[in-house]
Amino acid sequence: MMWKHLEQESFPMSEAQYKESLAEKIEILNRGGYSDLVRDWLRTVNSKPRLGRAVSLQLKINEKMKEFLF
């Protein structure tokens, strides 16, 4: 999941669209059973995103997530 900065001039969504998109992604993580893993990672990750550099968390695909793969 990559993000785009809401305040970028080239950002393609309104704030409402951005929040809706974020809620959809959170729902997928919750339904996939990753919520605790993501919360723990967010609390403990040492890296911070910077301009031109993302921080990544790679998730192993479990049975619950297979329904979301296209």
N, C-alpha and C. Protein backbone atom coordinates (compact mmCIF):
# COMPACT_ATOMS: atom_id res chain seq x y z
N MET A 1 0.85 -1.16 0.00
CA MET A 1 0.00 0.00 0.00
C MET A 1 0.90 1.23 0.00
N MET A 2 0.81 2.00 -1.02
CA MET A 2 1.57 3.26 -1.07
C MET A 2 0.59 4.38 -0.77
N TRP A 3 1.10 5.42 -0.23
CA TRP A 3 0.26 6.56 0.06
C TRP A 3 0.67 7.71 -0.84
N LYS A 4 -0.20 8.64 -0.97
CA LYS A 4 0.12 9.92 -1.61
C LYS A 4 -0.27 10.96 -0.58
N HIS A 5 0.45 12.03 -0.56
CA HIS A 5 0.22 13.06 0.44
C HIS A 5 -1.00 13.88 0.07
N LEU A 6 -1.93 13.95 0.98
CA LEU A 6 -3.21 14.62 0.74
C LEU A 6 -3.03 16.07 0.31
N GLU A 7 -1.99 16.73 0.76
CA GLU A 7 -1.81 18.15 0.44
C GLU A 7 -0.99 18.38 -0.83
N GLN A 8 -0.56 17.33 -1.52
CA GLN A 8 0.15 17.51 -2.79
C GLN A 8 -0.81 18.11 -3.81
N GLU A 9 -0.31 19.02 -4.62
CA GLU A 9 -1.15 19.61 -5.65
C GLU A 9 -1.67 18.56 -6.62
N SER A 10 -0.86 17.54 -6.89
CA SER A 10 -1.24 16.52 -7.86
C SER A 10 -2.05 15.38 -7.24
N PHE A 11 -2.39 15.48 -5.98
CA PHE A 11 -3.14 14.40 -5.31
C PHE A 11 -4.51 14.26 -5.97
N PRO A 12 -4.85 13.05 -6.42
CA PRO A 12 -6.05 12.88 -7.25
C PRO A 12 -7.38 12.76 -6.52
N MET A 13 -7.39 12.80 -5.20
CA MET A 13 -8.63 12.59 -4.45
C MET A 13 -8.95 13.78 -3.57
N SER A 14 -10.23 13.91 -3.28
CA SER A 14 -10.64 14.89 -2.27
C SER A 14 -10.35 14.27 -0.90
N GLU A 15 -10.46 15.07 0.14
CA GLU A 15 -10.23 14.54 1.48
C GLU A 15 -11.22 13.42 1.80
N ALA A 16 -12.47 13.59 1.41
CA ALA A 16 -13.49 12.56 1.67
C ALA A 16 -13.16 11.27 0.92
N GLN A 17 -12.72 11.38 -0.34
CA GLN A 17 -12.35 10.21 -1.12
C GLN A 17 -11.14 9.51 -0.49
N TYR A 18 -10.17 10.31 -0.03
CA TYR A 18 -8.98 9.76 0.61
C TYR A 18 -9.36 8.97 1.87
N LYS A 19 -10.22 9.54 2.69
CA LYS A 19 -10.64 8.86 3.92
C LYS A 19 -11.41 7.58 3.61
N GLU A 20 -12.24 7.61 2.57
CA GLU A 20 -12.98 6.42 2.17
C GLU A 20 -12.01 5.33 1.68
N SER A 21 -11.03 5.72 0.88
CA SER A 21 -10.03 4.77 0.38
C SER A 21 -9.23 4.16 1.53
N LEU A 22 -8.84 4.99 2.47
CA LEU A 22 -8.11 4.52 3.64
C LEU A 22 -8.96 3.54 4.46
N ALA A 23 -10.24 3.86 4.64
CA ALA A 23 -11.15 2.99 5.39
C ALA A 23 -11.29 1.63 4.71
N GLU A 24 -11.32 1.62 3.38
CA GLU A 24 -11.41 0.35 2.65
C GLU A 24 -10.16 -0.50 2.88
N LYS A 25 -9.01 0.12 2.87
CA LYS A 25 -7.76 -0.62 3.10
C LYS A 25 -7.70 -1.16 4.53
N ILE A 26 -8.13 -0.35 5.49
CA ILE A 26 -8.16 -0.79 6.88
C ILE A 26 -9.11 -1.96 7.05
N GLU A 27 -10.25 -1.92 6.37
CA GLU A 27 -11.22 -3.02 6.44
C GLU A 27 -10.61 -4.32 5.91
N ILE A 28 -9.85 -4.23 4.82
CA ILE A 28 -9.20 -5.42 4.27
C ILE A 28 -8.19 -5.98 5.27
N LEU A 29 -7.38 -5.11 5.86
CA LEU A 29 -6.41 -5.57 6.86
C LEU A 29 -7.11 -6.21 8.06
N ASN A 30 -8.19 -5.61 8.52
CA ASN A 30 -8.94 -6.17 9.65
C ASN A 30 -9.53 -7.53 9.30
N ARG A 31 -10.18 -7.62 8.14
CA ARG A 31 -10.80 -8.88 7.73
C ARG A 31 -9.76 -9.96 7.46
N GLY A 32 -8.56 -9.55 7.08
CA GLY A 32 -7.49 -10.51 6.85
C GLY A 32 -6.81 -10.97 8.13
N GLY A 33 -7.17 -10.37 9.24
CA GLY A 33 -6.58 -10.77 10.52
C GLY A 33 -5.23 -10.14 10.80
N TYR A 34 -4.92 -9.02 10.15
CA TYR A 34 -3.62 -8.38 10.29
C TYR A 34 -3.61 -7.18 11.24
N SER A 35 -4.73 -6.84 11.83
CA SER A 35 -4.80 -5.60 12.60
C SER A 35 -3.78 -5.54 13.74
N ASP A 36 -3.64 -6.60 14.51
CA ASP A 36 -2.67 -6.59 15.62
C ASP A 36 -1.24 -6.50 15.10
N LEU A 37 -0.95 -7.23 14.03
CA LEU A 37 0.39 -7.20 13.44
C LEU A 37 0.73 -5.78 12.97
N VAL A 38 -0.20 -5.14 12.28
CA VAL A 38 0.04 -3.78 11.77
C VAL A 38 0.19 -2.80 12.93
N ARG A 39 -0.66 -2.89 13.93
CA ARG A 39 -0.56 -1.99 15.08
C ARG A 39 0.79 -2.14 15.79
N ASP A 40 1.20 -3.39 16.01
CA ASP A 40 2.50 -3.63 16.66
C ASP A 40 3.63 -3.07 15.82
N TRP A 41 3.57 -3.28 14.51
CA TRP A 41 4.61 -2.77 13.61
C TRP A 41 4.65 -1.24 13.66
N LEU A 42 3.50 -0.59 13.63
CA LEU A 42 3.46 0.88 13.68
C LEU A 42 4.06 1.41 14.98
N ARG A 43 3.83 0.69 16.08
CA ARG A 43 4.37 1.13 17.37
C ARG A 43 5.88 0.93 17.47
N THR A 44 6.42 -0.06 16.76
CA THR A 44 7.82 -0.42 16.98
C THR A 44 8.76 -0.13 15.81
N VAL A 45 8.23 0.24 14.65
CA VAL A 45 9.10 0.46 13.50
C VAL A 45 10.03 1.64 13.76
N ASN A 46 11.31 1.46 13.45
CA ASN A 46 12.29 2.51 13.68
C ASN A 46 12.41 3.46 12.51
N SER A 47 12.15 2.97 11.30
CA SER A 47 12.25 3.80 10.10
C SER A 47 11.08 4.77 10.03
N LYS A 48 11.32 5.89 9.41
CA LYS A 48 10.27 6.88 9.19
C LYS A 48 10.23 7.22 7.71
N PRO A 49 9.03 7.37 7.14
CA PRO A 49 8.96 7.76 5.73
C PRO A 49 9.52 9.15 5.53
N ARG A 50 10.21 9.32 4.40
CA ARG A 50 10.74 10.63 4.03
C ARG A 50 10.42 10.86 2.57
N LEU A 51 10.64 12.05 2.11
CA LEU A 51 10.39 12.38 0.72
C LEU A 51 11.16 11.42 -0.18
N GLY A 52 10.44 10.71 -1.02
CA GLY A 52 11.06 9.77 -1.94
C GLY A 52 11.41 8.43 -1.34
N ARG A 53 11.06 8.19 -0.08
CA ARG A 53 11.39 6.92 0.57
C ARG A 53 10.21 6.45 1.41
N ALA A 54 9.71 5.30 1.08
CA ALA A 54 8.59 4.71 1.83
C ALA A 54 9.13 3.74 2.87
N VAL A 55 8.33 3.43 3.83
CA VAL A 55 8.61 2.40 4.81
C VAL A 55 7.64 1.26 4.50
N SER A 56 8.14 0.05 4.42
CA SER A 56 7.26 -1.03 3.99
C SER A 56 7.12 -2.11 5.06
N LEU A 57 5.96 -2.70 5.07
CA LEU A 57 5.64 -3.86 5.90
C LEU A 57 5.11 -4.91 4.94
N GLN A 58 5.85 -5.98 4.77
CA GLN A 58 5.40 -7.04 3.88
C GLN A 58 4.59 -8.04 4.70
N LEU A 59 3.39 -8.31 4.23
CA LEU A 59 2.50 -9.23 4.91
C LEU A 59 2.49 -10.56 4.17
N LYS A 60 2.51 -11.64 4.92
CA LYS A 60 2.37 -12.97 4.32
C LYS A 60 0.89 -13.19 4.02
N ILE A 61 0.61 -13.71 2.85
CA ILE A 61 -0.77 -13.95 2.45
C ILE A 61 -1.31 -15.16 3.20
N ASN A 62 -2.39 -14.95 3.91
CA ASN A 62 -3.04 -16.07 4.61
C ASN A 62 -4.33 -16.42 3.87
N GLU A 63 -5.02 -17.43 4.35
CA GLU A 63 -6.25 -17.89 3.68
C GLU A 63 -7.31 -16.78 3.62
N LYS A 64 -7.42 -15.99 4.67
CA LYS A 64 -8.43 -14.92 4.70
C LYS A 64 -8.17 -13.88 3.62
N MET A 65 -6.91 -13.64 3.30
CA MET A 65 -6.57 -12.60 2.32
C MET A 65 -6.79 -13.03 0.88
N LYS A 66 -6.88 -14.29 0.62
CA LYS A 66 -7.02 -14.77 -0.75
C LYS A 66 -8.27 -14.22 -1.42
N GLU A 67 -9.32 -13.91 -0.66
CA GLU A 67 -10.54 -13.36 -1.28
C GLU A 67 -10.32 -11.95 -1.84
N PHE A 68 -9.28 -11.26 -1.38
CA PHE A 68 -9.03 -9.89 -1.82
C PHE A 68 -8.05 -9.80 -2.99
N LEU A 69 -7.45 -10.93 -3.35
CA LEU A 69 -6.49 -10.93 -4.46
C LEU A 69 -7.25 -10.99 -5.77
N PHE A 70 -6.77 -10.23 -6.71
CA PHE A 70 -7.47 -10.19 -8.01
C PHE A 70 -6.71 -10.98 -9.02
